[in-house]
Amino acid sequence: MYKVIYLYIVQCSDKSFYVGVTNNLDKRIIEHNEGINITSYTYLRRPVTLMYHTYFTDFNLAFQWETRIKKWSRAKKQALIDGDFELLKILSKKILEKKVRSKY
């Protein structure tokens, strides 16, 4: 038997995105909206709306993707939410091109 770990993106009331991982998606969204943790990013940005989720069976992989996606631009996160993988590729290439240019 394997555990399911969800990677999720919520949109906050200020239209910002928050990316997280959890083993209980429904409970976690309720916790965000109830404001369980006053120091959390979402506490002053409630309510939140679930915009995207996927699951992993490997926590380390889920955590790696969470860390990666948190660094993405808003446009890249929106492309993922929209399922626009062509745009996601284009946005990734633009960032890669900028990194290569800044190296030289």
PDB file of N, CA and C in Angstrom:
ATOM      1  N   MET A   1       0.852  -1.196   0.000  1.00  0.00           N
ATOM      2  CA  MET A   1       0.000   0.000   0.000  1.00  0.00           C
ATOM      3  C   MET A   1       0.889   1.248   0.000  1.00  0.00           C
ATOM      4  N   TYR A   2       0.478   2.255  -0.686  1.00  0.00           N
ATOM      5  CA  TYR A   2       1.243   3.492  -0.756  1.00  0.00           C
ATOM      6  C   TYR A   2       0.388   4.656  -0.281  1.00  0.00           C
ATOM      7  N   LYS A   3       1.073   5.678   0.198  1.00  0.00           N
ATOM      8  CA  LYS A   3       0.387   6.897   0.627  1.00  0.00           C
ATOM      9  C   LYS A   3       0.296   7.866  -0.537  1.00  0.00           C
ATOM     10  N   VAL A   4      -0.775   8.604  -0.573  1.00  0.00           N
ATOM     11  CA  VAL A   4      -0.958   9.626  -1.592  1.00  0.00           C
ATOM     12  C   VAL A   4      -0.622  10.982  -0.976  1.00  0.00           C
ATOM     13  N   ILE A   5       0.220  11.723  -1.673  1.00  0.00           N
ATOM     14  CA  ILE A   5       0.594  13.068  -1.264  1.00  0.00           C
ATOM     15  C   ILE A   5       0.103  14.017  -2.361  1.00  0.00           C
ATOM     16  N   TYR A   6      -0.705  14.979  -1.989  1.00  0.00           N
ATOM     17  CA  TYR A   6      -1.237  15.938  -2.952  1.00  0.00           C
ATOM     18  C   TYR A   6      -0.368  17.186  -3.011  1.00  0.00           C
ATOM     19  N   LEU A   7      -0.104  17.630  -4.210  1.00  0.00           N
ATOM     20  CA  LEU A   7       0.496  18.937  -4.446  1.00  0.00           C
ATOM     21  C   LEU A   7      -0.658  19.810  -4.920  1.00  0.00           C
ATOM     22  N   TYR A   8      -0.796  21.002  -4.345  1.00  0.00           N
ATOM     23  CA  TYR A   8      -1.952  21.827  -4.689  1.00  0.00           C
ATOM     24  C   TYR A   8      -1.554  23.292  -4.822  1.00  0.00           C
ATOM     25  N   ILE A   9      -2.392  24.007  -5.561  1.00  0.00           N
ATOM     26  CA  ILE A   9      -2.264  25.453  -5.674  1.00  0.00           C
ATOM     27  C   ILE A   9      -3.624  26.052  -5.329  1.00  0.00           C
ATOM     28  N   VAL A  10      -3.593  27.001  -4.401  1.00  0.00           N
ATOM     29  CA  VAL A  10      -4.817  27.746  -4.095  1.00  0.00           C
ATOM     30  C   VAL A  10      -4.616  29.193  -4.516  1.00  0.00           C
ATOM     31  N   GLN A  11      -5.718  29.825  -4.880  1.00  0.00           N
ATOM     32  CA  GLN A  11      -5.695  31.259  -5.144  1.00  0.00           C
ATOM     33  C   GLN A  11      -6.263  31.949  -3.915  1.00  0.00           C
ATOM     34  N   CYS A  12      -5.519  32.925  -3.421  1.00  0.00           N
ATOM     35  CA  CYS A  12      -5.920  33.661  -2.236  1.00  0.00           C
ATOM     36  C   CYS A  12      -6.849  34.822  -2.622  1.00  0.00           C
ATOM     37  N   SER A  13      -7.447  35.439  -1.611  1.00  0.00           N
ATOM     38  CA  SER A  13      -8.378  36.542  -1.868  1.00  0.00           C
ATOM     39  C   SER A  13      -7.694  37.728  -2.539  1.00  0.00           C
ATOM     40  N   ASP A  14      -6.372  37.858  -2.368  1.00  0.00           N
ATOM     41  CA  ASP A  14      -5.639  38.948  -3.026  1.00  0.00           C
ATOM     42  C   ASP A  14      -5.139  38.543  -4.420  1.00  0.00           C
ATOM     43  N   LYS A  15      -5.601  37.395  -4.897  1.00  0.00           N
ATOM     44  CA  LYS A  15      -5.285  36.839  -6.224  1.00  0.00           C
ATOM     45  C   LYS A  15      -3.880  36.230  -6.311  1.00  0.00           C
ATOM     46  N   SER A  16      -3.145  36.207  -5.209  1.00  0.00           N
ATOM     47  CA  SER A  16      -1.846  35.522  -5.223  1.00  0.00           C
ATOM     48  C   SER A  16      -2.082  34.013  -5.145  1.00  0.00           C
ATOM     49  N   PHE A  17      -1.063  33.260  -5.498  1.00  0.00           N
ATOM     50  CA  PHE A  17      -1.132  31.805  -5.435  1.00  0.00           C
ATOM     51  C   PHE A  17      -0.291  31.288  -4.279  1.00  0.00           C
ATOM     52  N   TYR A  18      -0.760  30.226  -3.667  1.00  0.00           N
ATOM     53  CA  TYR A  18       0.000  29.521  -2.639  1.00  0.00           C
ATOM     54  C   TYR A  18       0.105  28.069  -3.082  1.00  0.00           C
ATOM     55  N   VAL A  19       1.313  27.525  -2.980  1.00  0.00           N
ATOM     56  CA  VAL A  19       1.578  26.146  -3.381  1.00  0.00           C
ATOM     57  C   VAL A  19       1.912  25.340  -2.132  1.00  0.00           C
ATOM     58  N   GLY A  20       1.328  24.167  -1.998  1.00  0.00           N
ATOM     59  CA  GLY A  20       1.601  23.330  -0.831  1.00  0.00           C
ATOM     60  C   GLY A  20       1.462  21.861  -1.133  1.00  0.00           C
ATOM     61  N   VAL A  21       1.808  21.038  -0.156  1.00  0.00           N
ATOM     62  CA  VAL A  21       1.611  19.593  -0.234  1.00  0.00           C
ATOM     63  C   VAL A  21       0.900  19.130   1.029  1.00  0.00           C
ATOM     64  N   THR A  22       0.132  18.078   0.910  1.00  0.00           N
ATOM     65  CA  THR A  22      -0.615  17.531   2.039  1.00  0.00           C
ATOM     66  C   THR A  22      -1.004  16.092   1.743  1.00  0.00           C
ATOM     67  N   ASN A  23      -1.324  15.350   2.783  1.00  0.00           N
ATOM     68  CA  ASN A  23      -1.838  13.992   2.570  1.00  0.00           C
ATOM     69  C   ASN A  23      -3.362  13.947   2.667  1.00  0.00           C
ATOM     70  N   ASN A  24      -3.990  15.099   2.990  1.00  0.00           N
ATOM     71  CA  ASN A  24      -5.449  15.175   3.068  1.00  0.00           C
ATOM     72  C   ASN A  24      -5.890  16.523   2.490  1.00  0.00           C
ATOM     73  N   LEU A  25      -6.197  16.517   1.211  1.00  0.00           N
ATOM     74  CA  LEU A  25      -6.465  17.765   0.492  1.00  0.00           C
ATOM     75  C   LEU A  25      -7.689  18.502   1.025  1.00  0.00           C
ATOM     76  N   ASP A  26      -8.786  17.803   1.209  1.00  0.00           N
ATOM     77  CA  ASP A  26     -10.009  18.460   1.693  1.00  0.00           C
ATOM     78  C   ASP A  26      -9.778  19.126   3.050  1.00  0.00           C
ATOM     79  N   LYS A  27      -9.151  18.392   3.957  1.00  0.00           N
ATOM     80  CA  LYS A  27      -8.878  18.921   5.292  1.00  0.00           C
ATOM     81  C   LYS A  27      -7.956  20.136   5.222  1.00  0.00           C
ATOM     82  N   ARG A  28      -6.956  20.073   4.347  1.00  0.00           N
ATOM     83  CA  ARG A  28      -5.985  21.174   4.261  1.00  0.00           C
ATOM     84  C   ARG A  28      -6.633  22.457   3.751  1.00  0.00           C
ATOM     85  N   ILE A  29      -7.518  22.336   2.761  1.00  0.00           N
ATOM     86  CA  ILE A  29      -8.204  23.528   2.236  1.00  0.00           C
ATOM     87  C   ILE A  29      -9.085  24.143   3.329  1.00  0.00           C
ATOM     88  N   ILE A  30      -9.761  23.304   4.093  1.00  0.00           N
ATOM     89  CA  ILE A  30     -10.579  23.795   5.216  1.00  0.00           C
ATOM     90  C   ILE A  30      -9.694  24.519   6.223  1.00  0.00           C
ATOM     91  N   GLU A  31      -8.523  23.922   6.528  1.00  0.00           N
ATOM     92  CA  GLU A  31      -7.597  24.560   7.477  1.00  0.00           C
ATOM     93  C   GLU A  31      -7.147  25.930   6.974  1.00  0.00           C
ATOM     94  N   HIS A  32      -6.828  26.025   5.687  1.00  0.00           N
ATOM     95  CA  HIS A  32      -6.444  27.333   5.126  1.00  0.00           C
ATOM     96  C   HIS A  32      -7.572  28.338   5.341  1.00  0.00           C
ATOM     97  N   ASN A  33      -8.791  27.933   5.040  1.00  0.00           N
ATOM     98  CA  ASN A  33      -9.922  28.866   5.115  1.00  0.00           C
ATOM     99  C   ASN A  33     -10.357  29.186   6.543  1.00  0.00           C
ATOM    100  N   GLU A  34     -10.101  28.274   7.470  1.00  0.00           N
ATOM    101  CA  GLU A  34     -10.432  28.539   8.875  1.00  0.00           C
ATOM    102  C   GLU A  34      -9.351  29.366   9.569  1.00  0.00           C
ATOM    103  N   GLY A  35      -8.170  29.443   8.960  1.00  0.00           N
ATOM    104  CA  GLY A  35      -7.101  30.229   9.548  1.00  0.00           C
ATOM    105  C   GLY A  35      -6.492  29.576  10.774  1.00  0.00           C
ATOM    106  N   ILE A  36      -6.190  28.302  10.670  1.00  0.00           N
ATOM    107  CA  ILE A  36      -5.632  27.529  11.788  1.00  0.00           C
ATOM    108  C   ILE A  36      -4.294  28.102  12.269  1.00  0.00           C
ATOM    109  N   ASN A  37      -3.461  28.543  11.334  1.00  0.00           N
ATOM    110  CA  ASN A  37      -2.121  29.022  11.665  1.00  0.00           C
ATOM    111  C   ASN A  37      -2.006  30.511  11.338  1.00  0.00           C
ATOM    112  N   ILE A  38      -1.937  31.351  12.353  1.00  0.00           N
ATOM    113  CA  ILE A  38      -1.919  32.802  12.123  1.00  0.00           C
ATOM    114  C   ILE A  38      -0.637  33.295  11.452  1.00  0.00           C
ATOM    115  N   THR A  39       0.399  32.480  11.428  1.00  0.00           N
ATOM    116  CA  THR A  39       1.655  32.880  10.780  1.00  0.00           C
ATOM    117  C   THR A  39       1.747  32.392   9.340  1.00  0.00           C
ATOM    118  N   SER A  40       0.742  31.674   8.871  1.00  0.00           N
ATOM    119  CA  SER A  40       0.807  31.132   7.509  1.00  0.00           C
ATOM    120  C   SER A  40       0.551  32.223   6.464  1.00  0.00           C
ATOM    121  N   TYR A  41       1.067  31.998   5.273  1.00  0.00           N
ATOM    122  CA  TYR A  41       0.914  32.934   4.160  1.00  0.00           C
ATOM    123  C   TYR A  41      -0.561  33.236   3.888  1.00  0.00           C
ATOM    124  N   THR A  42      -1.390  32.215   3.984  1.00  0.00           N
ATOM    125  CA  THR A  42      -2.793  32.377   3.598  1.00  0.00           C
ATOM    126  C   THR A  42      -3.676  33.001   4.677  1.00  0.00           C
ATOM    127  N   TYR A  43      -3.183  33.107   5.895  1.00  0.00           N
ATOM    128  CA  TYR A  43      -4.028  33.560   7.011  1.00  0.00           C
ATOM    129  C   TYR A  43      -4.727  34.891   6.730  1.00  0.00           C
ATOM    130  N   LEU A  44      -3.973  35.880   6.283  1.00  0.00           N
ATOM    131  CA  LEU A  44      -4.557  37.199   6.010  1.00  0.00           C
ATOM    132  C   LEU A  44      -5.078  37.324   4.575  1.00  0.00           C
ATOM    133  N   ARG A  45      -5.036  36.228   3.839  1.00  0.00           N
ATOM    134  CA  ARG A  45      -5.451  36.250   2.427  1.00  0.00           C
ATOM    135  C   ARG A  45      -6.642  35.322   2.177  1.00  0.00           C
ATOM    136  N   ARG A  46      -7.394  35.061   3.237  1.00  0.00           N
ATOM    137  CA  ARG A  46      -8.555  34.182   3.118  1.00  0.00           C
ATOM    138  C   ARG A  46      -9.748  34.941   2.547  1.00  0.00           C
ATOM    139  N   PRO A  47     -10.665  34.237   1.895  1.00  0.00           N
ATOM    140  CA  PRO A  47     -10.672  32.787   1.672  1.00  0.00           C
ATOM    141  C   PRO A  47      -9.755  32.396   0.515  1.00  0.00           C
ATOM    142  N   VAL A  48      -9.433  31.112   0.488  1.00  0.00           N
ATOM    143  CA  VAL A  48      -8.645  30.570  -0.616  1.00  0.00           C
ATOM    144  C   VAL A  48      -9.531  29.648  -1.438  1.00  0.00           C
ATOM    145  N   THR A  49      -9.167  29.520  -2.705  1.00  0.00           N
ATOM    146  CA  THR A  49      -9.902  28.647  -3.618  1.00  0.00           C
ATOM    147  C   THR A  49      -8.924  27.672  -4.249  1.00  0.00           C
ATOM    148  N   LEU A  50      -9.248  26.403  -4.200  1.00  0.00           N
ATOM    149  CA  LEU A  50      -8.402  25.394  -4.823  1.00  0.00           C
ATOM    150  C   LEU A  50      -8.449  25.570  -6.337  1.00  0.00           C
ATOM    151  N   MET A  51      -7.272  25.736  -6.941  1.00  0.00           N
ATOM    152  CA  MET A  51      -7.190  25.964  -8.383  1.00  0.00           C
ATOM    153  C   MET A  51      -6.607  24.769  -9.128  1.00  0.00           C
ATOM    154  N   TYR A  52      -5.750  24.003  -8.452  1.00  0.00           N
ATOM    155  CA  TYR A  52      -5.045  22.902  -9.105  1.00  0.00           C
ATOM    156  C   TYR A  52      -4.614  21.900  -8.050  1.00  0.00           C
ATOM    157  N   HIS A  53      -4.644  20.641  -8.419  1.00  0.00           N
ATOM    158  CA  HIS A  53      -4.026  19.616  -7.579  1.00  0.00           C
ATOM    159  C   HIS A  53      -3.661  18.409  -8.423  1.00  0.00           C
ATOM    160  N   THR A  54      -2.648  17.737  -7.953  1.00  0.00           N
ATOM    161  CA  THR A  54      -2.233  16.464  -8.525  1.00  0.00           C
ATOM    162  C   THR A  54      -1.715  15.642  -7.365  1.00  0.00           C
ATOM    163  N   TYR A  55      -1.394  14.387  -7.617  1.00  0.00           N
ATOM    164  CA  TYR A  55      -0.917  13.588  -6.485  1.00  0.00           C
ATOM    165  C   TYR A  55       0.340  12.816  -6.845  1.00  0.00           C
ATOM    166  N   PHE A  56       1.051  12.455  -5.810  1.00  0.00           N
ATOM    167  CA  PHE A  56       2.279  11.675  -5.898  1.00  0.00           C
ATOM    168  C   PHE A  56       2.185  10.532  -4.898  1.00  0.00           C
ATOM    169  N   THR A  57       2.948   9.495  -5.133  1.00  0.00           N
ATOM    170  CA  THR A  57       3.057   8.424  -4.148  1.00  0.00           C
ATOM    171  C   THR A  57       4.408   8.477  -3.449  1.00  0.00           C
ATOM    172  N   ASP A  58       5.234   9.416  -3.847  1.00  0.00           N
ATOM    173  CA  ASP A  58       6.555   9.609  -3.270  1.00  0.00           C
ATOM    174  C   ASP A  58       6.617  11.010  -2.672  1.00  0.00           C
ATOM    175  N   PHE A  59       6.699  11.106  -1.337  1.00  0.00           N
ATOM    176  CA  PHE A  59       6.703  12.410  -0.682  1.00  0.00           C
ATOM    177  C   PHE A  59       7.859  13.269  -1.161  1.00  0.00           C
ATOM    178  N   ASN A  60       9.037  12.676  -1.305  1.00  0.00           N
ATOM    179  CA  ASN A  60      10.209  13.458  -1.719  1.00  0.00           C
ATOM    180  C   ASN A  60       9.991  14.097  -3.078  1.00  0.00           C
ATOM    181  N   LEU A  61       9.398  13.366  -3.991  1.00  0.00           N
ATOM    182  CA  LEU A  61       9.117  13.907  -5.317  1.00  0.00           C
ATOM    183  C   LEU A  61       8.078  15.032  -5.233  1.00  0.00           C
ATOM    184  N   ALA A  62       7.052  14.835  -4.433  1.00  0.00           N
ATOM    185  CA  ALA A  62       6.034  15.882  -4.247  1.00  0.00           C
ATOM    186  C   ALA A  62       6.665  17.143  -3.680  1.00  0.00           C
ATOM    187  N   PHE A  63       7.535  16.976  -2.679  1.00  0.00           N
ATOM    188  CA  PHE A  63       8.202  18.120  -2.062  1.00  0.00           C
ATOM    189  C   PHE A  63       9.125  18.825  -3.059  1.00  0.00           C
ATOM    190  N   GLN A  64       9.829  18.048  -3.896  1.00  0.00           N
ATOM    191  CA  GLN A  64      10.695  18.650  -4.919  1.00  0.00           C
ATOM    192  C   GLN A  64       9.875  19.503  -5.881  1.00  0.00           C
ATOM    193  N   TRP A  65       8.729  18.982  -6.309  1.00  0.00           N
ATOM    194  CA  TRP A  65       7.880  19.743  -7.231  1.00  0.00           C
ATOM    195  C   TRP A  65       7.278  20.966  -6.549  1.00  0.00           C
ATOM    196  N   GLU A  66       6.897  20.836  -5.282  1.00  0.00           N
ATOM    197  CA  GLU A  66       6.377  21.996  -4.550  1.00  0.00           C
ATOM    198  C   GLU A  66       7.430  23.104  -4.525  1.00  0.00           C
ATOM    199  N   THR A  67       8.648  22.738  -4.176  1.00  0.00           N
ATOM    200  CA  THR A  67       9.741  23.705  -4.106  1.00  0.00           C
ATOM    201  C   THR A  67       9.987  24.354  -5.457  1.00  0.00           C
ATOM    202  N   ARG A  68       9.943  23.564  -6.517  1.00  0.00           N
ATOM    203  CA  ARG A  68      10.162  24.082  -7.872  1.00  0.00           C
ATOM    204  C   ARG A  68       9.049  25.043  -8.277  1.00  0.00           C
ATOM    205  N   ILE A  69       7.806  24.630  -8.093  1.00  0.00           N
ATOM    206  CA  ILE A  69       6.665  25.443  -8.533  1.00  0.00           C
ATOM    207  C   ILE A  69       6.570  26.749  -7.736  1.00  0.00           C
ATOM    208  N   LYS A  70       6.939  26.716  -6.457  1.00  0.00           N
ATOM    209  CA  LYS A  70       6.915  27.943  -5.651  1.00  0.00           C
ATOM    210  C   LYS A  70       7.801  29.025  -6.258  1.00  0.00           C
ATOM    211  N   LYS A  71       8.845  28.632  -6.963  1.00  0.00           N
ATOM    212  CA  LYS A  71       9.773  29.590  -7.578  1.00  0.00           C
ATOM    213  C   LYS A  71       9.294  30.086  -8.941  1.00  0.00           C
ATOM    214  N   TRP A  72       8.269  29.463  -9.480  1.00  0.00           N
ATOM    215  CA  TRP A  72       7.766  29.846 -10.800  1.00  0.00           C
ATOM    216  C   TRP A  72       7.106  31.215 -10.759  1.00  0.00           C
ATOM    217  N   SER A  73       7.073  31.829 -11.920  1.00  0.00           N
ATOM    218  CA  SER A  73       6.339  33.088 -12.070  1.00  0.00           C
ATOM    219  C   SER A  73       4.831  32.819 -11.972  1.00  0.00           C
ATOM    220  N   ARG A  74       4.100  33.882 -11.762  1.00  0.00           N
ATOM    221  CA  ARG A  74       2.638  33.756 -11.741  1.00  0.00           C
ATOM    222  C   ARG A  74       2.120  33.200 -13.073  1.00  0.00           C
ATOM    223  N   ALA A  75       2.723  33.642 -14.178  1.00  0.00           N
ATOM    224  CA  ALA A  75       2.292  33.189 -15.506  1.00  0.00           C
ATOM    225  C   ALA A  75       2.483  31.680 -15.664  1.00  0.00           C
ATOM    226  N   LYS A  76       3.602  31.161 -15.180  1.00  0.00           N
ATOM    227  CA  LYS A  76       3.839  29.719 -15.275  1.00  0.00           C
ATOM    228  C   LYS A  76       2.846  28.936 -14.412  1.00  0.00           C
ATOM    229  N   LYS A  77       2.584  29.439 -13.212  1.00  0.00           N
ATOM    230  CA  LYS A  77       1.600  28.776 -12.347  1.00  0.00           C
ATOM    231  C   LYS A  77       0.227  28.789 -13.003  1.00  0.00           C
ATOM    232  N   GLN A  78      -0.140  29.917 -13.610  1.00  0.00           N
ATOM    233  CA  GLN A  78      -1.442  30.011 -14.272  1.00  0.00           C
ATOM    234  C   GLN A  78      -1.517  29.052 -15.451  1.00  0.00           C
ATOM    235  N   ALA A  79      -0.438  28.920 -16.203  1.00  0.00           N
ATOM    236  CA  ALA A  79      -0.411  27.974 -17.329  1.00  0.00           C
ATOM    237  C   ALA A  79      -0.607  26.547 -16.832  1.00  0.00           C
ATOM    238  N   LEU A  80       0.009  26.190 -15.712  1.00  0.00           N
ATOM    239  CA  LEU A  80      -0.185  24.858 -15.133  1.00  0.00           C
ATOM    240  C   LEU A  80      -1.634  24.672 -14.714  1.00  0.00           C
ATOM    241  N   ILE A  81      -2.187  25.645 -14.030  1.00  0.00           N
ATOM    242  CA  ILE A  81      -3.587  25.585 -13.592  1.00  0.00           C
ATOM    243  C   ILE A  81      -4.512  25.405 -14.792  1.00  0.00           C
ATOM    244  N   ASP A  82      -4.236  26.139 -15.870  1.00  0.00           N
ATOM    245  CA  ASP A  82      -5.070  26.075 -17.075  1.00  0.00           C
ATOM    246  C   ASP A  82      -4.824  24.828 -17.909  1.00  0.00           C
ATOM    247  N   GLY A  83      -3.778  24.067 -17.570  1.00  0.00           N
ATOM    248  CA  GLY A  83      -3.431  22.892 -18.376  1.00  0.00           C
ATOM    249  C   GLY A  83      -2.845  23.275 -19.718  1.00  0.00           C
ATOM    250  N   ASP A  84      -2.293  24.474 -19.820  1.00  0.00           N
ATOM    251  CA  ASP A  84      -1.722  24.974 -21.069  1.00  0.00           C
ATOM    252  C   ASP A  84      -0.229  24.633 -21.098  1.00  0.00           C
ATOM    253  N   PHE A  85       0.060  23.391 -21.464  1.00  0.00           N
ATOM    254  CA  PHE A  85       1.433  22.891 -21.394  1.00  0.00           C
ATOM    255  C   PHE A  85       2.321  23.476 -22.480  1.00  0.00           C
ATOM    256  N   GLU A  86       1.728  23.909 -23.594  1.00  0.00           N
ATOM    257  CA  GLU A  86       2.525  24.580 -24.627  1.00  0.00           C
ATOM    258  C   GLU A  86       3.034  25.921 -24.111  1.00  0.00           C
ATOM    259  N   LEU A  87       2.151  26.686 -23.475  1.00  0.00           N
ATOM    260  CA  LEU A  87       2.564  27.962 -22.895  1.00  0.00           C
ATOM    261  C   LEU A  87       3.578  27.737 -21.782  1.00  0.00           C
ATOM    262  N   LEU A  88       3.373  26.707 -20.992  1.00  0.00           N
ATOM    263  CA  LEU A  88       4.312  26.386 -19.919  1.00  0.00           C
ATOM    264  C   LEU A  88       5.705  26.123 -20.481  1.00  0.00           C
ATOM    265  N   LYS A  89       5.776  25.407 -21.596  1.00  0.00           N
ATOM    266  CA  LYS A  89       7.074  25.156 -22.254  1.00  0.00           C
ATOM    267  C   LYS A  89       7.703  26.463 -22.734  1.00  0.00           C
ATOM    268  N   ILE A  90       6.891  27.302 -23.345  1.00  0.00           N
ATOM    269  CA  ILE A  90       7.390  28.590 -23.857  1.00  0.00           C
ATOM    270  C   ILE A  90       7.922  29.445 -22.712  1.00  0.00           C
ATOM    271  N   LEU A  91       7.168  29.539 -21.639  1.00  0.00           N
ATOM    272  CA  LEU A  91       7.600  30.339 -20.490  1.00  0.00           C
ATOM    273  C   LEU A  91       8.871  29.771 -19.868  1.00  0.00           C
ATOM    274  N   SER A  92       8.995  28.462 -19.844  1.00  0.00           N
ATOM    275  CA  SER A  92      10.201  27.827 -19.302  1.00  0.00           C
ATOM    276  C   SER A  92      11.404  28.123 -20.181  1.00  0.00           C
ATOM    277  N   LYS A  93      11.214  28.112 -21.493  1.00  0.00           N
ATOM    278  CA  LYS A  93      12.317  28.403 -22.419  1.00  0.00           C
ATOM    279  C   LYS A  93      12.772  29.851 -22.274  1.00  0.00           C
ATOM    280  N   LYS A  94      11.829  30.769 -22.090  1.00  0.00           N
ATOM    281  CA  LYS A  94      12.193  32.181 -21.934  1.00  0.00           C
ATOM    282  C   LYS A  94      13.051  32.370 -20.692  1.00  0.00           C
ATOM    283  N   ILE A  95      12.707  31.701 -19.623  1.00  0.00           N
ATOM    284  CA  ILE A  95      13.482  31.816 -18.389  1.00  0.00           C
ATOM    285  C   ILE A  95      14.859  31.196 -18.588  1.00  0.00           C
ATOM    286  N   LEU A  96      14.910  30.051 -19.251  1.00  0.00           N
ATOM    287  CA  LEU A  96      16.187  29.397 -19.521  1.00  0.00           C
ATOM    288  C   LEU A  96      17.072  30.284 -20.384  1.00  0.00           C
ATOM    289  N   GLU A  97      16.486  30.913 -21.404  1.00  0.00           N
ATOM    290  CA  GLU A  97      17.252  31.818 -22.270  1.00  0.00           C
ATOM    291  C   GLU A  97      17.826  32.984 -21.467  1.00  0.00           C
ATOM    292  N   LYS A  98      17.038  33.543 -20.547  1.00  0.00           N
ATOM    293  CA  LYS A  98      17.516  34.649 -19.717  1.00  0.00           C
ATOM    294  C   LYS A  98      18.687  34.199 -18.844  1.00  0.00           C
ATOM    295  N   LYS A  99      18.602  33.012 -18.292  1.00  0.00           N
ATOM    296  CA  LYS A  99      19.675  32.490 -17.432  1.00  0.00           C
ATOM    297  C   LYS A  99      20.949  32.291 -18.240  1.00  0.00           C
ATOM    298  N   VAL A 100      20.815  31.752 -19.451  1.00  0.00           N
ATOM    299  CA  VAL A 100      21.986  31.511 -20.301  1.00  0.00           C
ATOM    300  C   VAL A 100      22.620  32.840 -20.685  1.00  0.00           C
ATOM    301  N   ARG A 101      21.804  33.813 -21.064  1.00  0.00           N
ATOM    302  CA  ARG A 101      22.332  35.130 -21.447  1.00  0.00           C
ATOM    303  C   ARG A 101      23.027  35.821 -20.288  1.00  0.00           C
ATOM    304  N   SER A 102      22.490  35.683 -19.096  1.00  0.00           N
ATOM    305  CA  SER A 102      23.086  36.363 -17.952  1.00  0.00           C
ATOM    306  C   SER A 102      24.398  35.715 -17.517  1.00  0.00           C
ATOM    307  N   LYS A 103      24.630  34.486 -17.936  1.00  0.00           N
ATOM    308  CA  LYS A 103      25.892  33.801 -17.617  1.00  0.00           C
ATOM    309  C   LYS A 103      27.062  34.376 -18.423  1.00  0.00           C
ATOM    310  N   TYR A 104      26.767  34.923 -19.580  1.00  0.00           N
ATOM    311  CA  TYR A 104      27.856  35.355 -20.500  1.00  0.00           C
ATOM    312  C   TYR A 104      27.971  36.833 -20.591  1.00  0.00           C
TER     313      TYR A 104
END
